[in-house]
Amino acid sequence: MVLWEHPIERYLALVSLSVIAVSLSAIAVKRWTEPPLVLQTLPSSADAERPLPRLKVHVKGAVAKPGVIALPLGSRVEDAVKLAQVRPDADLQALNLAAFLEDGQEVIVPSRQREGATVSPTGTLALTPLRSSLADKATPAGKKSVPPSVVHLNTATESDLIQLPGIGPALAKRILDYRRQIGGFKSIEQLLEVKGIGPKKLEQLRPYVRL
């Protein structure tokens, strides 16, 4: 038996094969032209609720709200000072507000005022600079000495440090060597790590040193 003996059968078979070929070609073209399927992983609810890493610093000194403050990682001294609300007498020029904070760091905001007060003839309270009162007590009657100026520990030279009370050339050199080892002072209390400086000398130096 011969397939498709009649012309009409051969014609129908040809048409069917053509339709199948066109369909297969269309499917192949579609698969080649479609962009690949990209699966995007959405964050889970546990990741979304996970708190961001934070650090804690202790802010004290001339601030309205001293205490421990929690801030996000990457925060700067300026951020901690703003949260602690500085007082009008705060000396912000003595701080590096752009410095990055570290966990457990102590931020001391110095005051422009000094301890000690006297009452003026008008009855108002007048602040007496502590630097002047200490210098007057340390010098004999009839003699005046120039009180040391405020020294910034992270920029002071050896000659600057020698001007401070109780600091000689040897101790000034040890302070500079220690500053180089730690990469700069982060608090005035770090002076206690320098050989030759104890709590008593630190309190003697505190009115005259800044970071």
N, C-alpha and C. Protein backbone atom coordinates (compact mmCIF):
# COMPACT_ATOMS: atom_id res chain seq x y z
N MET A 1 0.86 -1.20 0.00
CA MET A 1 0.00 0.00 0.00
C MET A 1 0.89 1.24 0.00
N VAL A 2 0.66 2.19 -0.86
CA VAL A 2 1.42 3.41 -0.98
C VAL A 2 0.71 4.51 -0.21
N LEU A 3 1.51 5.19 0.72
CA LEU A 3 0.91 6.28 1.50
C LEU A 3 0.62 7.45 0.60
N TRP A 4 -0.40 8.16 0.98
CA TRP A 4 -0.80 9.40 0.30
C TRP A 4 -0.86 9.21 -1.23
N GLU A 5 -1.74 8.23 -1.61
CA GLU A 5 -1.92 7.97 -3.05
C GLU A 5 -2.60 9.14 -3.73
N HIS A 6 -3.49 9.79 -3.01
CA HIS A 6 -4.22 10.89 -3.62
C HIS A 6 -3.50 12.21 -3.36
N PRO A 7 -3.57 13.12 -4.27
CA PRO A 7 -2.90 14.43 -4.10
C PRO A 7 -3.38 15.18 -2.87
N ILE A 8 -4.63 15.08 -2.55
CA ILE A 8 -5.17 15.83 -1.41
C ILE A 8 -4.54 15.36 -0.10
N GLU A 9 -4.25 14.01 -0.02
CA GLU A 9 -3.62 13.50 1.19
C GLU A 9 -2.19 14.03 1.32
N ARG A 10 -1.47 14.02 0.19
CA ARG A 10 -0.12 14.56 0.23
C ARG A 10 -0.11 16.03 0.62
N TYR A 11 -1.09 16.79 0.13
CA TYR A 11 -1.17 18.21 0.44
C TYR A 11 -1.43 18.43 1.93
N LEU A 12 -2.35 17.64 2.49
CA LEU A 12 -2.67 17.79 3.92
C LEU A 12 -1.47 17.41 4.79
N ALA A 13 -0.76 16.37 4.40
CA ALA A 13 0.41 15.96 5.18
C ALA A 13 1.48 17.05 5.16
N LEU A 14 1.66 17.66 3.99
CA LEU A 14 2.64 18.74 3.88
C LEU A 14 2.29 19.93 4.73
N VAL A 15 1.02 20.26 4.71
CA VAL A 15 0.57 21.40 5.53
C VAL A 15 0.79 21.10 7.00
N SER A 16 0.50 19.89 7.44
CA SER A 16 0.67 19.52 8.85
C SER A 16 2.14 19.62 9.26
N LEU A 17 3.05 19.10 8.41
CA LEU A 17 4.48 19.17 8.72
C LEU A 17 4.98 20.61 8.78
N SER A 18 4.43 21.47 7.90
CA SER A 18 4.85 22.88 7.89
C SER A 18 4.43 23.58 9.18
N VAL A 19 3.18 23.29 9.61
CA VAL A 19 2.68 23.90 10.84
C VAL A 19 3.53 23.49 12.03
N ILE A 20 3.89 22.19 12.08
CA ILE A 20 4.70 21.70 13.19
C ILE A 20 6.07 22.36 13.19
N ALA A 21 6.67 22.50 11.98
CA ALA A 21 8.00 23.12 11.89
C ALA A 21 7.97 24.57 12.32
N VAL A 22 6.93 25.31 11.91
CA VAL A 22 6.83 26.72 12.30
C VAL A 22 6.65 26.85 13.81
N SER A 23 5.85 25.96 14.40
CA SER A 23 5.62 26.02 15.85
C SER A 23 6.91 25.76 16.62
N LEU A 24 7.67 24.75 16.16
CA LEU A 24 8.93 24.45 16.84
C LEU A 24 9.91 25.60 16.71
N SER A 25 9.93 26.25 15.55
CA SER A 25 10.84 27.40 15.35
C SER A 25 10.46 28.55 16.28
N ALA A 26 9.17 28.82 16.42
CA ALA A 26 8.71 29.92 17.28
C ALA A 26 9.08 29.67 18.74
N ILE A 27 8.94 28.39 19.16
CA ILE A 27 9.29 28.07 20.55
C ILE A 27 10.78 28.26 20.77
N ALA A 28 11.60 27.81 19.80
CA ALA A 28 13.05 27.96 19.95
C ALA A 28 13.46 29.42 19.99
N VAL A 29 12.88 30.27 19.14
CA VAL A 29 13.21 31.69 19.12
C VAL A 29 12.82 32.35 20.44
N LYS A 30 11.68 31.98 20.97
CA LYS A 30 11.20 32.58 22.23
C LYS A 30 12.14 32.25 23.39
N ARG A 31 12.62 30.99 23.42
CA ARG A 31 13.50 30.59 24.51
C ARG A 31 14.85 31.29 24.43
N TRP A 32 15.30 31.56 23.21
CA TRP A 32 16.60 32.23 23.05
C TRP A 32 16.52 33.71 23.35
N THR A 33 15.38 34.33 23.10
CA THR A 33 15.25 35.78 23.26
C THR A 33 14.78 36.18 24.65
N GLU A 34 14.15 35.30 25.40
CA GLU A 34 13.67 35.66 26.74
C GLU A 34 14.85 35.84 27.69
N PRO A 35 14.82 36.87 28.57
CA PRO A 35 15.90 37.05 29.56
C PRO A 35 15.88 35.93 30.57
N PRO A 36 17.04 35.59 31.10
CA PRO A 36 17.09 34.51 32.09
C PRO A 36 16.33 34.88 33.35
N LEU A 37 15.76 33.90 33.96
CA LEU A 37 14.99 34.10 35.18
C LEU A 37 15.95 34.28 36.35
N VAL A 38 15.85 35.44 37.05
CA VAL A 38 16.71 35.74 38.19
C VAL A 38 15.90 35.58 39.46
N LEU A 39 16.36 34.73 40.31
CA LEU A 39 15.69 34.53 41.60
C LEU A 39 16.27 35.48 42.61
N GLN A 40 15.44 36.32 43.20
CA GLN A 40 15.88 37.28 44.21
C GLN A 40 15.44 36.81 45.58
N THR A 41 16.42 36.70 46.45
CA THR A 41 16.13 36.24 47.81
C THR A 41 15.75 37.43 48.68
N LEU A 42 14.55 37.41 49.17
CA LEU A 42 14.08 38.49 50.05
C LEU A 42 14.58 38.25 51.46
N PRO A 43 14.90 39.33 52.17
CA PRO A 43 15.38 39.14 53.55
C PRO A 43 14.30 38.53 54.42
N SER A 44 14.71 37.62 55.27
CA SER A 44 13.76 36.98 56.16
C SER A 44 13.34 37.94 57.26
N SER A 45 12.26 37.63 57.90
CA SER A 45 11.76 38.49 58.98
C SER A 45 12.75 38.54 60.14
N ALA A 46 13.50 37.43 60.34
CA ALA A 46 14.49 37.41 61.42
C ALA A 46 15.61 38.40 61.14
N ASP A 47 16.06 38.49 59.85
CA ASP A 47 17.10 39.45 59.50
C ASP A 47 16.62 40.87 59.64
N ALA A 48 15.35 41.12 59.27
CA ALA A 48 14.82 42.47 59.34
C ALA A 48 14.70 42.97 60.78
N GLU A 49 14.44 42.02 61.70
CA GLU A 49 14.25 42.42 63.10
C GLU A 49 15.57 42.47 63.86
N ARG A 50 16.67 41.99 63.27
CA ARG A 50 17.94 41.96 63.97
C ARG A 50 18.47 43.38 64.17
N PRO A 51 18.80 43.80 65.38
CA PRO A 51 19.25 45.18 65.62
C PRO A 51 20.63 45.43 65.01
N LEU A 52 20.87 46.67 64.59
CA LEU A 52 22.16 47.06 64.04
C LEU A 52 23.21 47.11 65.15
N PRO A 53 24.48 46.83 64.82
CA PRO A 53 25.54 46.90 65.84
C PRO A 53 25.63 48.30 66.44
N ARG A 54 25.81 48.39 67.75
CA ARG A 54 25.87 49.67 68.44
C ARG A 54 27.08 49.69 69.36
N LEU A 55 27.45 50.88 69.78
CA LEU A 55 28.54 51.04 70.74
C LEU A 55 28.05 51.95 71.87
N LYS A 56 28.74 51.89 73.00
CA LYS A 56 28.38 52.71 74.16
C LYS A 56 29.58 53.55 74.58
N VAL A 57 29.31 54.83 74.86
CA VAL A 57 30.35 55.74 75.33
C VAL A 57 29.84 56.46 76.57
N HIS A 58 30.78 56.91 77.41
CA HIS A 58 30.43 57.63 78.63
C HIS A 58 30.76 59.11 78.41
N VAL A 59 29.72 59.94 78.37
CA VAL A 59 29.89 61.37 78.17
C VAL A 59 29.71 62.08 79.50
N LYS A 60 30.67 62.93 79.86
CA LYS A 60 30.55 63.69 81.10
C LYS A 60 31.28 65.01 80.95
N GLY A 61 31.20 65.81 81.98
CA GLY A 61 31.80 67.14 81.92
C GLY A 61 30.73 68.20 81.79
N ALA A 62 30.95 69.17 80.91
CA ALA A 62 30.03 70.30 80.75
C ALA A 62 28.87 69.94 79.85
N VAL A 63 28.05 68.95 80.29
CA VAL A 63 26.87 68.52 79.55
C VAL A 63 25.68 68.47 80.50
N ALA A 64 24.48 68.63 79.93
CA ALA A 64 23.27 68.63 80.74
C ALA A 64 22.84 67.21 81.10
N LYS A 65 23.18 66.24 80.26
CA LYS A 65 22.76 64.85 80.50
C LYS A 65 23.98 63.93 80.45
N PRO A 66 24.83 63.96 81.48
CA PRO A 66 25.99 63.06 81.49
C PRO A 66 25.55 61.62 81.70
N GLY A 67 26.35 60.70 81.21
CA GLY A 67 26.05 59.29 81.40
C GLY A 67 26.45 58.47 80.20
N VAL A 68 26.03 57.19 80.20
CA VAL A 68 26.36 56.27 79.12
C VAL A 68 25.34 56.42 78.00
N ILE A 69 25.83 56.58 76.78
CA ILE A 69 24.98 56.80 75.61
C ILE A 69 25.27 55.71 74.59
N ALA A 70 24.22 55.12 74.01
CA ALA A 70 24.36 54.10 72.97
C ALA A 70 24.16 54.76 71.60
N LEU A 71 25.08 54.48 70.69
CA LEU A 71 25.03 55.05 69.34
C LEU A 71 25.38 53.97 68.32
N PRO A 72 24.98 54.16 67.05
CA PRO A 72 25.34 53.19 66.01
C PRO A 72 26.83 53.21 65.74
N LEU A 73 27.34 52.09 65.26
CA LEU A 73 28.75 52.03 64.87
C LEU A 73 29.04 53.07 63.79
N GLY A 74 30.19 53.70 63.86
CA GLY A 74 30.53 54.74 62.89
C GLY A 74 30.16 56.13 63.35
N SER A 75 29.59 56.26 64.56
CA SER A 75 29.24 57.58 65.07
C SER A 75 30.50 58.36 65.46
N ARG A 76 30.36 59.66 65.54
CA ARG A 76 31.49 60.53 65.85
C ARG A 76 31.26 61.23 67.19
N VAL A 77 32.30 61.90 67.67
CA VAL A 77 32.21 62.60 68.96
C VAL A 77 31.09 63.62 68.92
N GLU A 78 30.89 64.27 67.79
CA GLU A 78 29.84 65.28 67.66
C GLU A 78 28.46 64.69 67.97
N ASP A 79 28.21 63.43 67.52
CA ASP A 79 26.92 62.79 67.76
C ASP A 79 26.68 62.55 69.25
N ALA A 80 27.72 62.09 69.96
CA ALA A 80 27.57 61.84 71.39
C ALA A 80 27.35 63.14 72.16
N VAL A 81 28.07 64.19 71.78
CA VAL A 81 27.95 65.47 72.46
C VAL A 81 26.56 66.07 72.28
N LYS A 82 25.99 65.91 71.08
CA LYS A 82 24.65 66.43 70.84
C LYS A 82 23.62 65.74 71.71
N LEU A 83 23.74 64.41 71.83
CA LEU A 83 22.78 63.67 72.65
C LEU A 83 22.91 64.03 74.13
N ALA A 84 24.11 64.34 74.58
CA ALA A 84 24.33 64.69 75.98
C ALA A 84 23.94 66.14 76.29
N GLN A 85 23.69 66.95 75.26
CA GLN A 85 23.24 68.34 75.41
C GLN A 85 24.26 69.19 76.18
N VAL A 86 25.18 69.80 75.44
CA VAL A 86 26.24 70.59 76.07
C VAL A 86 25.68 71.81 76.78
N ARG A 87 26.34 72.21 77.84
CA ARG A 87 25.96 73.40 78.57
C ARG A 87 26.53 74.63 77.89
N PRO A 88 26.02 75.84 78.21
CA PRO A 88 26.54 77.06 77.58
C PRO A 88 28.02 77.30 77.85
N ASP A 89 28.54 76.77 78.97
CA ASP A 89 29.95 77.01 79.28
C ASP A 89 30.88 75.96 78.68
N ALA A 90 30.35 75.05 77.87
CA ALA A 90 31.18 73.98 77.30
C ALA A 90 32.20 74.54 76.31
N ASP A 91 33.40 74.02 76.38
CA ASP A 91 34.49 74.43 75.47
C ASP A 91 34.64 73.37 74.38
N LEU A 92 33.81 73.46 73.33
CA LEU A 92 33.84 72.47 72.26
C LEU A 92 35.09 72.59 71.40
N GLN A 93 35.76 73.74 71.45
CA GLN A 93 36.98 73.91 70.66
C GLN A 93 38.09 72.99 71.15
N ALA A 94 37.98 72.51 72.37
CA ALA A 94 39.01 71.63 72.92
C ALA A 94 38.81 70.17 72.50
N LEU A 95 37.71 69.88 71.80
CA LEU A 95 37.41 68.51 71.38
C LEU A 95 37.58 68.36 69.88
N ASN A 96 37.91 67.16 69.44
CA ASN A 96 37.90 66.82 68.02
C ASN A 96 36.54 66.21 67.71
N LEU A 97 35.58 67.05 67.31
CA LEU A 97 34.22 66.59 67.11
C LEU A 97 34.09 65.62 65.93
N ALA A 98 35.05 65.61 65.02
CA ALA A 98 34.97 64.74 63.85
C ALA A 98 35.57 63.36 64.10
N ALA A 99 36.13 63.12 65.29
CA ALA A 99 36.77 61.83 65.57
C ALA A 99 35.72 60.73 65.71
N PHE A 100 36.06 59.53 65.22
CA PHE A 100 35.15 58.39 65.37
C PHE A 100 35.17 57.88 66.81
N LEU A 101 34.02 57.40 67.25
CA LEU A 101 33.90 56.87 68.61
C LEU A 101 34.26 55.38 68.64
N GLU A 102 34.73 54.93 69.79
CA GLU A 102 35.02 53.53 70.02
C GLU A 102 34.19 53.04 71.20
N ASP A 103 33.84 51.77 71.18
CA ASP A 103 33.04 51.21 72.26
C ASP A 103 33.79 51.32 73.59
N GLY A 104 33.10 51.84 74.61
CA GLY A 104 33.71 52.00 75.92
C GLY A 104 34.51 53.27 76.09
N GLN A 105 34.50 54.15 75.08
CA GLN A 105 35.29 55.38 75.15
C GLN A 105 34.68 56.37 76.13
N GLU A 106 35.52 57.17 76.75
CA GLU A 106 35.08 58.23 77.66
C GLU A 106 35.25 59.58 76.97
N VAL A 107 34.16 60.31 76.86
CA VAL A 107 34.19 61.64 76.21
C VAL A 107 33.97 62.69 77.29
N ILE A 108 35.00 63.50 77.56
CA ILE A 108 34.91 64.53 78.59
C ILE A 108 34.81 65.88 77.90
N VAL A 109 33.69 66.59 78.12
CA VAL A 109 33.49 67.91 77.54
C VAL A 109 34.01 68.94 78.54
N PRO A 110 35.10 69.63 78.24
CA PRO A 110 35.66 70.59 79.21
C PRO A 110 34.81 71.85 79.30
N SER A 111 35.00 72.57 80.39
CA SER A 111 34.29 73.83 80.62
C SER A 111 35.26 74.99 80.50
N ARG A 112 34.76 76.11 80.00
CA ARG A 112 35.60 77.31 79.91
C ARG A 112 35.79 77.95 81.28
N GLN A 113 34.94 77.64 82.26
CA GLN A 113 35.03 78.23 83.59
C GLN A 113 36.02 77.45 84.44
N ARG A 114 36.48 78.05 85.48
CA ARG A 114 37.40 77.42 86.42
C ARG A 114 36.75 77.33 87.79
N GLU A 115 37.27 76.43 88.60
CA GLU A 115 36.73 76.27 89.95
C GLU A 115 37.14 77.44 90.83
N GLY A 116 36.32 77.67 91.83
CA GLY A 116 36.62 78.74 92.78
C GLY A 116 35.78 79.95 92.46
N ALA A 117 35.16 80.57 93.43
CA ALA A 117 34.30 81.70 93.19
C ALA A 117 34.41 82.68 94.34
N THR A 118 34.26 83.95 94.03
CA THR A 118 34.24 85.00 95.05
C THR A 118 33.03 85.87 94.80
N VAL A 119 32.63 86.56 95.82
CA VAL A 119 31.48 87.45 95.71
C VAL A 119 31.98 88.86 95.46
N SER A 120 31.51 89.47 94.38
CA SER A 120 31.95 90.82 94.03
C SER A 120 31.24 91.83 94.90
N PRO A 121 31.72 93.10 94.93
CA PRO A 121 31.07 94.12 95.76
C PRO A 121 29.62 94.33 95.42
N THR A 122 29.21 94.02 94.20
CA THR A 122 27.80 94.22 93.82
C THR A 122 26.91 93.09 94.30
N GLY A 123 27.53 92.04 94.84
CA GLY A 123 26.73 90.94 95.37
C GLY A 123 26.57 89.80 94.39
N THR A 124 27.10 89.94 93.17
CA THR A 124 26.99 88.87 92.19
C THR A 124 28.14 87.90 92.37
N LEU A 125 27.92 86.67 91.91
CA LEU A 125 28.93 85.62 92.06
C LEU A 125 29.91 85.71 90.91
N ALA A 126 31.19 85.87 91.22
CA ALA A 126 32.21 85.97 90.18
C ALA A 126 33.13 84.77 90.28
N LEU A 127 33.41 84.15 89.13
CA LEU A 127 34.29 82.99 89.10
C LEU A 127 35.74 83.43 89.06
N THR A 128 36.56 82.81 89.89
CA THR A 128 37.99 83.11 89.91
C THR A 128 38.72 82.01 89.17
N PRO A 129 39.53 82.32 88.17
CA PRO A 129 40.25 81.27 87.44
C PRO A 129 41.13 80.46 88.38
N LEU A 130 40.99 79.15 88.29
CA LEU A 130 41.77 78.27 89.15
C LEU A 130 43.26 78.39 88.85
N ARG A 131 43.59 78.62 87.58
CA ARG A 131 44.98 78.73 87.18
C ARG A 131 45.68 79.87 87.93
N SER A 132 45.00 81.01 88.04
CA SER A 132 45.60 82.16 88.71
C SER A 132 45.74 81.91 90.20
N SER A 133 44.73 81.29 90.82
CA SER A 133 44.79 81.07 92.26
C SER A 133 45.89 80.10 92.61
N LEU A 134 46.09 79.06 91.78
CA LEU A 134 47.16 78.11 92.05
C LEU A 134 48.53 78.76 91.89
N ALA A 135 48.65 79.63 90.90
CA ALA A 135 49.93 80.29 90.66
C ALA A 135 50.27 81.23 91.81
N ASP A 136 49.25 81.94 92.34
CA ASP A 136 49.50 82.87 93.45
C ASP A 136 49.96 82.14 94.69
N LYS A 137 49.38 80.93 94.92
CA LYS A 137 49.76 80.18 96.11
C LYS A 137 51.15 79.60 95.97
N ALA A 138 51.54 79.30 94.73
CA ALA A 138 52.83 78.63 94.53
C ALA A 138 53.99 79.60 94.51
N THR A 139 53.74 80.90 94.37
CA THR A 139 54.84 81.87 94.29
C THR A 139 54.94 82.66 95.58
N PRO A 140 56.14 83.05 95.97
CA PRO A 140 56.32 83.85 97.21
C PRO A 140 55.66 85.20 97.06
N ALA A 141 55.41 85.85 98.23
CA ALA A 141 54.78 87.17 98.22
C ALA A 141 55.68 88.17 97.51
N GLY A 142 55.08 89.02 96.71
CA GLY A 142 55.83 90.05 96.01
C GLY A 142 56.34 89.60 94.66
N LYS A 143 56.22 88.29 94.32
CA LYS A 143 56.67 87.79 93.04
C LYS A 143 55.49 87.20 92.28
N LYS A 144 55.51 87.40 90.99
CA LYS A 144 54.45 86.86 90.13
C LYS A 144 55.08 86.01 89.04
N SER A 145 54.46 84.89 88.78
CA SER A 145 54.92 84.04 87.68
C SER A 145 53.80 83.91 86.66
N VAL A 146 54.16 83.71 85.40
CA VAL A 146 53.18 83.55 84.34
C VAL A 146 52.61 82.14 84.40
N PRO A 147 51.31 81.98 84.60
CA PRO A 147 50.73 80.63 84.70
C PRO A 147 50.83 79.92 83.35
N PRO A 148 50.94 78.60 83.34
CA PRO A 148 51.03 77.87 82.08
C PRO A 148 49.73 77.98 81.28
N SER A 149 49.86 78.01 79.96
CA SER A 149 48.69 78.04 79.11
C SER A 149 48.14 76.63 78.94
N VAL A 150 46.93 76.52 78.43
CA VAL A 150 46.32 75.21 78.21
C VAL A 150 47.07 74.49 77.09
N VAL A 151 47.40 73.22 77.33
CA VAL A 151 48.16 72.42 76.38
C VAL A 151 47.28 71.28 75.87
N HIS A 152 47.27 71.08 74.56
CA HIS A 152 46.52 69.97 73.96
C HIS A 152 47.46 68.77 73.83
N LEU A 153 47.10 67.69 74.51
CA LEU A 153 47.99 66.54 74.62
C LEU A 153 48.35 65.92 73.27
N ASN A 154 47.43 65.94 72.32
CA ASN A 154 47.68 65.26 71.05
C ASN A 154 48.45 66.12 70.05
N THR A 155 48.70 67.40 70.37
CA THR A 155 49.46 68.26 69.46
C THR A 155 50.63 68.94 70.15
N ALA A 156 50.78 68.75 71.46
CA ALA A 156 51.80 69.47 72.23
C ALA A 156 53.20 68.97 71.85
N THR A 157 54.15 69.90 71.87
CA THR A 157 55.56 69.57 71.68
C THR A 157 56.20 69.39 73.05
N GLU A 158 57.48 69.00 73.06
CA GLU A 158 58.18 68.82 74.33
C GLU A 158 58.27 70.13 75.10
N SER A 159 58.50 71.23 74.38
CA SER A 159 58.58 72.53 75.05
C SER A 159 57.24 72.95 75.63
N ASP A 160 56.15 72.58 74.96
CA ASP A 160 54.81 72.89 75.49
C ASP A 160 54.58 72.14 76.80
N LEU A 161 54.95 70.86 76.83
CA LEU A 161 54.71 70.05 78.02
C LEU A 161 55.57 70.50 79.20
N ILE A 162 56.77 70.97 78.93
CA ILE A 162 57.66 71.40 80.02
C ILE A 162 57.08 72.60 80.76
N GLN A 163 56.20 73.37 80.11
CA GLN A 163 55.58 74.53 80.76
C GLN A 163 54.59 74.11 81.84
N LEU A 164 54.12 72.86 81.79
CA LEU A 164 53.12 72.41 82.75
C LEU A 164 53.76 72.19 84.12
N PRO A 165 52.99 72.37 85.20
CA PRO A 165 53.55 72.20 86.55
C PRO A 165 53.97 70.76 86.80
N GLY A 166 55.19 70.58 87.28
CA GLY A 166 55.67 69.25 87.63
C GLY A 166 56.16 68.43 86.46
N ILE A 167 56.24 69.00 85.27
CA ILE A 167 56.70 68.26 84.09
C ILE A 167 58.08 68.76 83.69
N GLY A 168 59.06 67.87 83.72
CA GLY A 168 60.41 68.20 83.27
C GLY A 168 60.69 67.59 81.92
N PRO A 169 61.89 67.78 81.38
CA PRO A 169 62.22 67.25 80.06
C PRO A 169 62.06 65.73 79.96
N ALA A 170 62.49 65.01 81.00
CA ALA A 170 62.41 63.55 80.94
C ALA A 170 60.96 63.07 80.90
N LEU A 171 60.12 63.65 81.76
CA LEU A 171 58.72 63.25 81.80
C LEU A 171 57.99 63.69 80.52
N ALA A 172 58.34 64.85 80.00
CA ALA A 172 57.72 65.31 78.75
C ALA A 172 58.04 64.35 77.61
N LYS A 173 59.28 63.85 77.58
CA LYS A 173 59.67 62.89 76.53
C LYS A 173 58.90 61.59 76.67
N ARG A 174 58.69 61.13 77.93
CA ARG A 174 57.92 59.90 78.13
C ARG A 174 56.48 60.07 77.68
N ILE A 175 55.90 61.25 77.90
CA ILE A 175 54.53 61.52 77.44
C ILE A 175 54.46 61.45 75.92
N LEU A 176 55.43 62.04 75.23
CA LEU A 176 55.44 62.02 73.76
C LEU A 176 55.64 60.60 73.24
N ASP A 177 56.53 59.83 73.90
CA ASP A 177 56.75 58.44 73.47
C ASP A 177 55.48 57.62 73.63
N TYR A 178 54.77 57.81 74.74
CA TYR A 178 53.53 57.06 74.98
C TYR A 178 52.45 57.47 73.97
N ARG A 179 52.40 58.78 73.63
CA ARG A 179 51.42 59.25 72.65
C ARG A 179 51.64 58.58 71.29
N ARG A 180 52.93 58.44 70.92
CA ARG A 180 53.22 57.77 69.64
C ARG A 180 52.84 56.29 69.68
N GLN A 181 53.01 55.66 70.82
CA GLN A 181 52.69 54.23 70.93
C GLN A 181 51.20 53.97 70.79
N ILE A 182 50.36 54.81 71.39
CA ILE A 182 48.91 54.57 71.37
C ILE A 182 48.21 55.30 70.23
N GLY A 183 48.95 56.09 69.47
CA GLY A 183 48.34 56.80 68.35
C GLY A 183 47.53 58.01 68.75
N GLY A 184 47.74 58.53 69.94
CA GLY A 184 47.01 59.72 70.40
C GLY A 184 46.17 59.43 71.63
N PHE A 185 46.06 60.42 72.52
CA PHE A 185 45.28 60.26 73.74
C PHE A 185 43.78 60.33 73.43
N LYS A 186 43.03 59.45 74.05
CA LYS A 186 41.57 59.48 73.92
C LYS A 186 40.92 60.04 75.19
N SER A 187 41.65 60.12 76.26
CA SER A 187 41.15 60.73 77.50
C SER A 187 42.34 61.23 78.30
N ILE A 188 42.10 62.23 79.13
CA ILE A 188 43.16 62.78 79.95
C ILE A 188 43.65 61.75 80.97
N GLU A 189 42.75 60.84 81.38
CA GLU A 189 43.13 59.83 82.38
C GLU A 189 44.21 58.89 81.86
N GLN A 190 44.42 58.83 80.55
CA GLN A 190 45.48 57.96 80.02
C GLN A 190 46.87 58.42 80.43
N LEU A 191 47.00 59.65 80.93
CA LEU A 191 48.29 60.11 81.44
C LEU A 191 48.78 59.24 82.60
N LEU A 192 47.84 58.57 83.27
CA LEU A 192 48.23 57.71 84.39
C LEU A 192 49.07 56.52 83.92
N GLU A 193 49.01 56.21 82.61
CA GLU A 193 49.80 55.11 82.07
C GLU A 193 51.25 55.51 81.84
N VAL A 194 51.54 56.81 81.93
CA VAL A 194 52.91 57.28 81.73
C VAL A 194 53.67 57.17 83.05
N LYS A 195 54.84 56.56 83.02
CA LYS A 195 55.64 56.40 84.23
C LYS A 195 56.02 57.76 84.80
N GLY A 196 55.73 57.95 86.08
CA GLY A 196 56.04 59.22 86.74
C GLY A 196 54.82 60.09 86.97
N ILE A 197 53.65 59.67 86.44
CA ILE A 197 52.41 60.44 86.65
C ILE A 197 51.44 59.58 87.45
N GLY A 198 51.13 60.03 88.65
CA GLY A 198 50.16 59.35 89.48
C GLY A 198 48.88 60.17 89.62
N PRO A 199 47.93 59.69 90.40
CA PRO A 199 46.65 60.42 90.56
C PRO A 199 46.83 61.85 91.05
N LYS A 200 47.77 62.06 91.98
CA LYS A 200 47.97 63.41 92.51
C LYS A 200 48.50 64.36 91.44
N LYS A 201 49.48 63.91 90.67
CA LYS A 201 50.03 64.76 89.60
C LYS A 201 49.00 64.99 88.50
N LEU A 202 48.17 63.95 88.24
CA LEU A 202 47.14 64.11 87.21
C LEU A 202 46.17 65.23 87.58
N GLU A 203 45.75 65.27 88.86
CA GLU A 203 44.85 66.34 89.29
C GLU A 203 45.54 67.69 89.22
N GLN A 204 46.84 67.72 89.40
CA GLN A 204 47.59 68.97 89.30
C GLN A 204 47.64 69.45 87.84
N LEU A 205 47.69 68.50 86.92
CA LEU A 205 47.78 68.84 85.49
C LEU A 205 46.42 69.08 84.85
N ARG A 206 45.36 68.50 85.41
CA ARG A 206 44.05 68.51 84.73
C ARG A 206 43.57 69.90 84.30
N PRO A 207 43.75 70.98 85.11
CA PRO A 207 43.24 72.30 84.66
C PRO A 207 43.96 72.83 83.43
N TYR A 208 45.13 72.26 83.09
CA TYR A 208 45.93 72.85 82.03
C TYR A 208 46.05 71.99 80.78
N VAL A 209 45.42 70.81 80.78
CA VAL A 209 45.56 69.93 79.62
C VAL A 209 44.19 69.65 78.99
N ARG A 210 44.20 69.51 77.68
CA ARG A 210 43.02 69.17 76.89
C ARG A 210 43.45 68.13 75.86
N LEU A 211 42.47 67.49 75.23
CA LEU A 211 42.78 66.53 74.17
C LEU A 211 42.97 67.25 72.86
